[in-house]
Amino acid sequence: MTLDISRLLSGWKFEPNRMQARLIPGEDGREKLQIRLDLGLFQMELDGRPDGLHPEGAESLLEHLEARNSSAEGTGKLTPDQLSELMREGVQYYNRYMALFALGEYDRVARDTARNLRLFRFIASHVESNRDRWVFEQYTPFVTMMHGRALGEKALKEGRPRSALRAIDEAIESILGFFREQENEEEMAECGELSFLRSWRREIEDVPASNAADRLEEQLKLAVAREDYEDAAQLRDQLRRLQIHPETETSDVQPATESPDHADQLDQPGSGS
């Protein structure tokens, strides 16, 4: 068995400025996620901790520390080494959910973003230093935005634009709540994640409900073209339901009333864990 991965790389050309990800069958019978980089590739597990490790027998270090700190033996406060490892683990989940988003694996993106948001809350409850807390919490707007995007994109894919609008609204309110807790009105006014979500919301509202079937048909064509027959079958079922019950979609898209907090015009989304 050769350890040289040149053959794998030569068959998958690197393209700068684009997330290149794919799912491949693993030798253990489980699908793996790969990301192409300029100097090689990442390979991750689709479930559990991305590197496949089980710290102290748990799914991840976060799960282990959550269990320990809920028991009598828990110290309550995290050590610098634990914080460093939790950050490294959080970045693994970040890399995975960004690749999964590019592949349209929205359920898994929602799972991993919810997990990292839980990580931030755990850190906030188990450190004394505001600096240590902010090292993690600063990424809350970005991860919240990606969570909302995953839920919204999934809803749009299934022909449920009204549900997509609800997911966006929940993400917006969560980010606003975060800034209110921080008492940081200046950062709120400059938040690119809020700007993106509000802009995306307007785009969805501007699409007539009658275009839902057209969107599903286009997604079906793309799924067939990439030979994703499972996805194509789901889209075909959704299209058939919509054609049988067109009134469902017609009533799904309704103008939503924005609160005054949603009226600001901001920039582009940032980046985070």
Protein backbone atom coordinates (compact mmCIF):
# COMPACT_ATOMS: atom_id res chain seq x y z
CA MET A 1 0.00 0.00 0.00
CA THR A 2 1.43 3.37 -1.00
CA LEU A 3 1.27 6.44 1.26
CA ASP A 4 1.70 8.78 -1.69
CA ILE A 5 -1.52 10.76 -2.37
CA SER A 6 -0.34 12.22 -5.69
CA ARG A 7 -2.82 10.12 -7.65
CA LEU A 8 -5.72 11.43 -5.58
CA LEU A 9 -4.60 15.02 -6.04
CA SER A 10 -4.00 14.71 -9.76
CA GLY A 11 -7.57 13.52 -10.23
CA TRP A 12 -8.99 16.50 -8.33
CA LYS A 13 -7.61 19.78 -9.57
CA PHE A 14 -7.37 22.60 -7.04
CA GLU A 15 -9.41 25.72 -7.84
CA PRO A 16 -8.47 28.87 -5.86
CA ASN A 17 -11.17 30.93 -4.14
CA ARG A 18 -13.71 28.11 -4.19
CA MET A 19 -14.74 25.63 -1.53
CA GLN A 20 -14.04 22.21 -3.05
CA ALA A 21 -15.63 19.39 -1.11
CA ARG A 22 -16.90 15.91 -1.87
CA LEU A 23 -18.28 12.84 -0.16
CA ILE A 24 -16.43 9.57 -0.72
CA PRO A 25 -17.04 5.99 0.46
CA GLY A 26 -14.76 5.07 3.35
CA GLU A 27 -13.03 1.74 3.76
CA ASP A 28 -15.01 1.27 6.99
CA GLY A 29 -18.28 1.46 5.05
CA ARG A 30 -19.10 5.00 6.16
CA GLU A 31 -19.05 8.08 3.93
CA LYS A 32 -16.20 10.54 4.47
CA LEU A 33 -15.97 14.22 3.72
CA GLN A 34 -12.96 15.53 1.82
CA ILE A 35 -11.86 19.13 1.21
CA ARG A 36 -9.35 19.94 -1.52
CA LEU A 37 -6.56 22.36 -0.55
CA ASP A 38 -3.74 23.79 -2.63
CA LEU A 39 -1.20 21.48 -0.96
CA GLY A 40 -3.36 18.44 -0.35
CA LEU A 41 -6.69 17.57 1.20
CA PHE A 42 -8.57 17.20 4.47
CA GLN A 43 -10.60 14.11 5.23
CA MET A 44 -13.22 14.17 7.98
CA GLU A 45 -15.88 12.00 9.50
CA LEU A 46 -19.45 13.05 8.72
CA ASP A 47 -20.71 12.34 12.23
CA GLY A 48 -19.23 12.85 15.66
CA ARG A 49 -15.95 14.67 16.02
CA PRO A 50 -14.55 15.42 12.53
CA ASP A 51 -11.17 13.77 13.21
CA GLY A 52 -12.88 10.62 14.47
CA LEU A 53 -11.33 10.77 17.93
CA HIS A 54 -13.28 10.15 21.14
CA PRO A 55 -11.70 12.12 24.01
CA GLU A 56 -12.17 10.17 27.23
CA GLY A 57 -14.58 7.92 25.34
CA ALA A 58 -16.99 10.76 24.57
CA GLU A 59 -18.18 11.99 21.16
CA SER A 60 -16.07 15.10 21.62
CA LEU A 61 -14.18 16.99 24.31
CA LEU A 62 -17.16 19.30 24.73
CA GLU A 63 -19.46 16.36 25.50
CA HIS A 64 -16.90 14.95 27.94
CA LEU A 65 -16.52 18.24 29.80
CA GLU A 66 -20.28 18.85 29.83
CA ALA A 67 -20.79 15.45 31.46
CA ARG A 68 -17.92 15.94 33.90
CA ASN A 69 -19.03 19.39 34.96
CA SER A 70 -22.56 18.18 35.57
CA SER A 71 -21.23 15.53 37.98
CA ALA A 72 -19.80 15.80 41.49
CA GLU A 73 -16.23 15.51 40.19
CA GLY A 74 -16.52 18.57 37.95
CA THR A 75 -14.37 21.58 38.86
CA GLY A 76 -16.58 24.05 37.03
CA LYS A 77 -13.73 26.13 35.59
CA LEU A 78 -11.74 25.32 32.48
CA THR A 79 -7.96 25.23 32.28
CA PRO A 80 -5.95 27.02 29.56
CA ASP A 81 -5.15 23.64 27.99
CA GLN A 82 -8.82 22.71 27.88
CA LEU A 83 -9.71 26.05 26.32
CA SER A 84 -7.02 25.58 23.68
CA GLU A 85 -8.26 22.09 22.83
CA LEU A 86 -11.90 23.23 22.75
CA MET A 87 -10.96 25.95 20.28
CA ARG A 88 -9.12 23.45 18.09
CA GLU A 89 -12.12 21.12 18.23
CA GLY A 90 -14.49 23.97 17.39
CA VAL A 91 -12.41 24.83 14.31
CA GLN A 92 -12.75 21.24 13.14
CA TYR A 93 -16.53 21.54 13.26
CA TYR A 94 -16.28 24.92 11.50
CA ASN A 95 -14.27 23.41 8.62
CA ARG A 96 -16.77 20.58 8.34
CA TYR A 97 -19.92 22.67 8.30
CA MET A 98 -18.51 25.10 5.75
CA ALA A 99 -17.74 22.19 3.41
CA LEU A 100 -21.12 20.59 4.08
CA PHE A 101 -22.84 23.88 3.26
CA ALA A 102 -21.10 23.94 -0.12
CA LEU A 103 -22.46 20.42 -0.73
CA GLY A 104 -25.99 21.36 0.29
CA GLU A 105 -25.95 19.09 3.35
CA TYR A 106 -28.06 21.55 5.30
CA ASP A 107 -29.25 19.24 8.08
CA ARG A 108 -25.66 18.48 9.02
CA VAL A 109 -24.71 22.15 8.79
CA ALA A 110 -27.53 23.00 11.20
CA ARG A 111 -26.33 20.23 13.53
CA ASP A 112 -22.70 21.39 13.58
CA THR A 113 -23.48 25.09 13.90
CA ALA A 114 -25.87 24.37 16.78
CA ARG A 115 -23.07 22.38 18.38
CA ASN A 116 -20.57 25.25 18.16
CA LEU A 117 -23.14 27.68 19.55
CA ARG A 118 -23.54 25.29 22.47
CA LEU A 119 -19.76 25.32 22.85
CA PHE A 120 -19.78 29.12 23.17
CA ARG A 121 -22.47 28.98 25.86
CA PHE A 122 -20.53 26.33 27.76
CA ILE A 123 -17.36 28.42 27.68
CA ALA A 124 -19.24 31.49 28.93
CA SER A 125 -20.45 29.51 31.95
CA HIS A 126 -17.08 27.99 32.83
CA VAL A 127 -14.49 30.75 32.59
CA GLU A 128 -13.89 33.74 34.83
CA SER A 129 -12.01 35.91 32.35
CA ASN A 130 -14.01 38.10 29.96
CA ARG A 131 -11.10 37.79 27.55
CA ASP A 132 -11.34 33.97 27.51
CA ARG A 133 -15.09 34.21 27.00
CA TRP A 134 -14.76 36.66 24.10
CA VAL A 135 -12.18 34.49 22.30
CA PHE A 136 -15.10 32.14 21.60
CA GLU A 137 -18.14 34.40 21.77
CA GLN A 138 -16.86 36.77 19.10
CA TYR A 139 -17.87 34.17 16.50
CA THR A 140 -21.48 33.95 17.69
CA PRO A 141 -22.93 36.22 14.94
CA PHE A 142 -21.23 34.27 12.16
CA VAL A 143 -22.19 30.82 13.45
CA THR A 144 -25.75 32.00 14.11
CA MET A 145 -25.94 33.34 10.56
CA MET A 146 -24.71 30.01 9.13
CA HIS A 147 -27.24 28.14 11.26
CA GLY A 148 -30.02 30.35 9.88
CA ARG A 149 -28.70 29.95 6.34
CA ALA A 150 -28.72 26.17 6.64
CA LEU A 151 -32.30 26.08 7.90
CA GLY A 152 -33.38 28.66 5.35
CA GLU A 153 -31.73 26.95 2.40
CA LYS A 154 -33.23 23.62 3.43
CA ALA A 155 -36.69 25.19 3.58
CA LEU A 156 -36.25 26.82 0.16
CA LYS A 157 -35.03 23.54 -1.30
CA GLU A 158 -38.22 21.91 -0.04
CA GLY A 159 -40.40 24.70 -1.48
CA ARG A 160 -41.20 26.28 1.92
CA PRO A 161 -40.19 29.94 1.60
CA ARG A 162 -42.27 31.02 4.58
CA SER A 163 -40.32 28.61 6.78
CA ALA A 164 -37.11 30.06 5.33
CA LEU A 165 -38.22 33.55 6.35
CA ARG A 166 -38.91 32.31 9.88
CA ALA A 167 -35.45 30.77 10.09
CA ILE A 168 -33.88 34.03 8.93
CA ASP A 169 -35.93 36.06 11.42
CA GLU A 170 -34.88 33.77 14.27
CA ALA A 171 -31.21 34.15 13.29
CA ILE A 172 -31.57 37.94 13.11
CA GLU A 173 -33.24 38.11 16.51
CA SER A 174 -30.60 35.83 18.03
CA ILE A 175 -27.76 38.01 16.74
CA LEU A 176 -29.51 41.17 17.95
CA GLY A 177 -29.98 39.55 21.34
CA PHE A 178 -26.29 38.70 21.47
CA PHE A 179 -25.29 42.32 20.85
CA ARG A 180 -27.83 43.57 23.39
CA GLU A 181 -26.30 41.27 26.01
CA GLN A 182 -22.88 42.64 25.09
CA GLU A 183 -24.28 46.19 25.28
CA ASN A 184 -22.46 46.83 22.03
CA GLU A 185 -24.65 48.98 19.79
CA GLU A 186 -21.68 50.01 17.62
CA GLU A 187 -20.84 46.44 16.62
CA MET A 188 -24.53 45.76 15.99
CA ALA A 189 -24.68 48.64 13.52
CA GLU A 190 -21.67 47.30 11.62
CA CYS A 191 -22.54 43.61 11.70
CA GLY A 192 -22.10 42.07 8.26
CA GLU A 193 -24.00 38.93 9.26
CA LEU A 194 -27.11 40.99 10.00
CA SER A 195 -26.71 42.79 6.69
CA PHE A 196 -26.51 39.53 4.78
CA LEU A 197 -29.54 37.99 6.49
CA ARG A 198 -31.69 41.09 5.92
CA SER A 199 -30.67 41.28 2.27
CA TRP A 200 -31.38 37.57 1.76
CA ARG A 201 -34.74 37.98 3.45
CA ARG A 202 -35.73 40.72 1.00
CA GLU A 203 -34.68 38.54 -1.94
CA ILE A 204 -36.93 35.71 -0.77
CA GLU A 205 -39.87 38.05 -0.20
CA ASP A 206 -39.44 39.45 -3.72
CA VAL A 207 -39.80 36.01 -5.36
CA PRO A 208 -43.46 35.36 -6.29
CA ALA A 209 -44.94 32.26 -4.72
CA SER A 210 -45.88 31.01 -8.20
CA ASN A 211 -42.17 30.57 -8.95
CA ALA A 212 -41.83 27.78 -6.38
CA ALA A 213 -42.45 25.05 -8.96
CA ASP A 214 -39.90 26.61 -11.30
CA ARG A 215 -37.31 26.61 -8.50
CA LEU A 216 -37.97 22.97 -7.70
CA GLU A 217 -37.76 21.98 -11.37
CA GLU A 218 -34.41 23.74 -11.71
CA GLN A 219 -33.07 22.04 -8.56
CA LEU A 220 -34.33 18.70 -9.91
CA LYS A 221 -32.43 19.21 -13.16
CA LEU A 222 -29.24 20.02 -11.25
CA ALA A 223 -29.64 16.97 -9.00
CA VAL A 224 -30.07 14.69 -12.03
CA ALA A 225 -27.09 16.32 -13.76
CA ARG A 226 -24.83 15.56 -10.82
CA GLU A 227 -26.34 12.05 -10.54
CA ASP A 228 -27.66 12.68 -7.04
CA TYR A 229 -30.67 10.46 -7.52
CA GLU A 230 -31.70 10.39 -3.87
CA ASP A 231 -31.93 14.18 -3.84
CA ALA A 232 -33.68 14.10 -7.22
CA ALA A 233 -36.30 11.69 -5.90
CA GLN A 234 -37.03 13.97 -2.94
CA LEU A 235 -37.31 17.01 -5.20
CA ARG A 236 -39.59 15.12 -7.58
CA ASP A 237 -41.88 14.21 -4.65
CA GLN A 238 -41.96 17.84 -3.48
CA LEU A 239 -42.75 19.04 -7.00
CA ARG A 240 -45.54 16.49 -7.32
CA ARG A 241 -47.06 17.58 -3.98
CA LEU A 242 -46.87 21.21 -5.03
CA GLN A 243 -48.58 20.47 -8.35
CA ILE A 244 -51.35 18.56 -6.57
CA HIS A 245 -51.78 21.21 -3.85
CA PRO A 246 -50.62 24.53 -5.36
CA GLU A 247 -52.51 26.50 -2.73
CA THR A 248 -50.03 25.34 -0.09
CA GLU A 249 -47.16 27.25 -1.67
CA THR A 250 -49.36 30.16 -2.69
CA SER A 251 -50.17 30.83 0.95
CA ASP A 252 -46.62 30.17 2.07
CA VAL A 253 -45.02 33.40 0.93
CA GLN A 254 -46.52 36.42 2.58
CA PRO A 255 -44.99 39.84 3.19
CA ALA A 256 -43.50 39.93 6.66
CA THR A 257 -43.51 43.00 8.81
CA GLU A 258 -40.00 43.91 9.89
CA SER A 259 -39.49 45.36 13.31
CA PRO A 260 -37.60 48.67 13.53
CA ASP A 261 -34.51 46.68 14.50
CA HIS A 262 -34.56 45.02 11.07
CA ALA A 263 -34.53 48.23 9.08
CA ASP A 264 -30.80 48.90 9.10
CA GLN A 265 -28.71 48.46 5.93
CA LEU A 266 -25.36 46.82 6.63
CA ASP A 267 -22.41 45.13 4.89
CA GLN A 268 -21.32 41.56 4.09
CA PRO A 269 -21.01 38.58 6.42
CA GLY A 270 -17.76 38.04 8.26
CA SER A 271 -16.06 34.78 9.21
CA GLY A 272 -15.98 32.65 12.32
CA SER A 273 -15.78 29.25 13.97
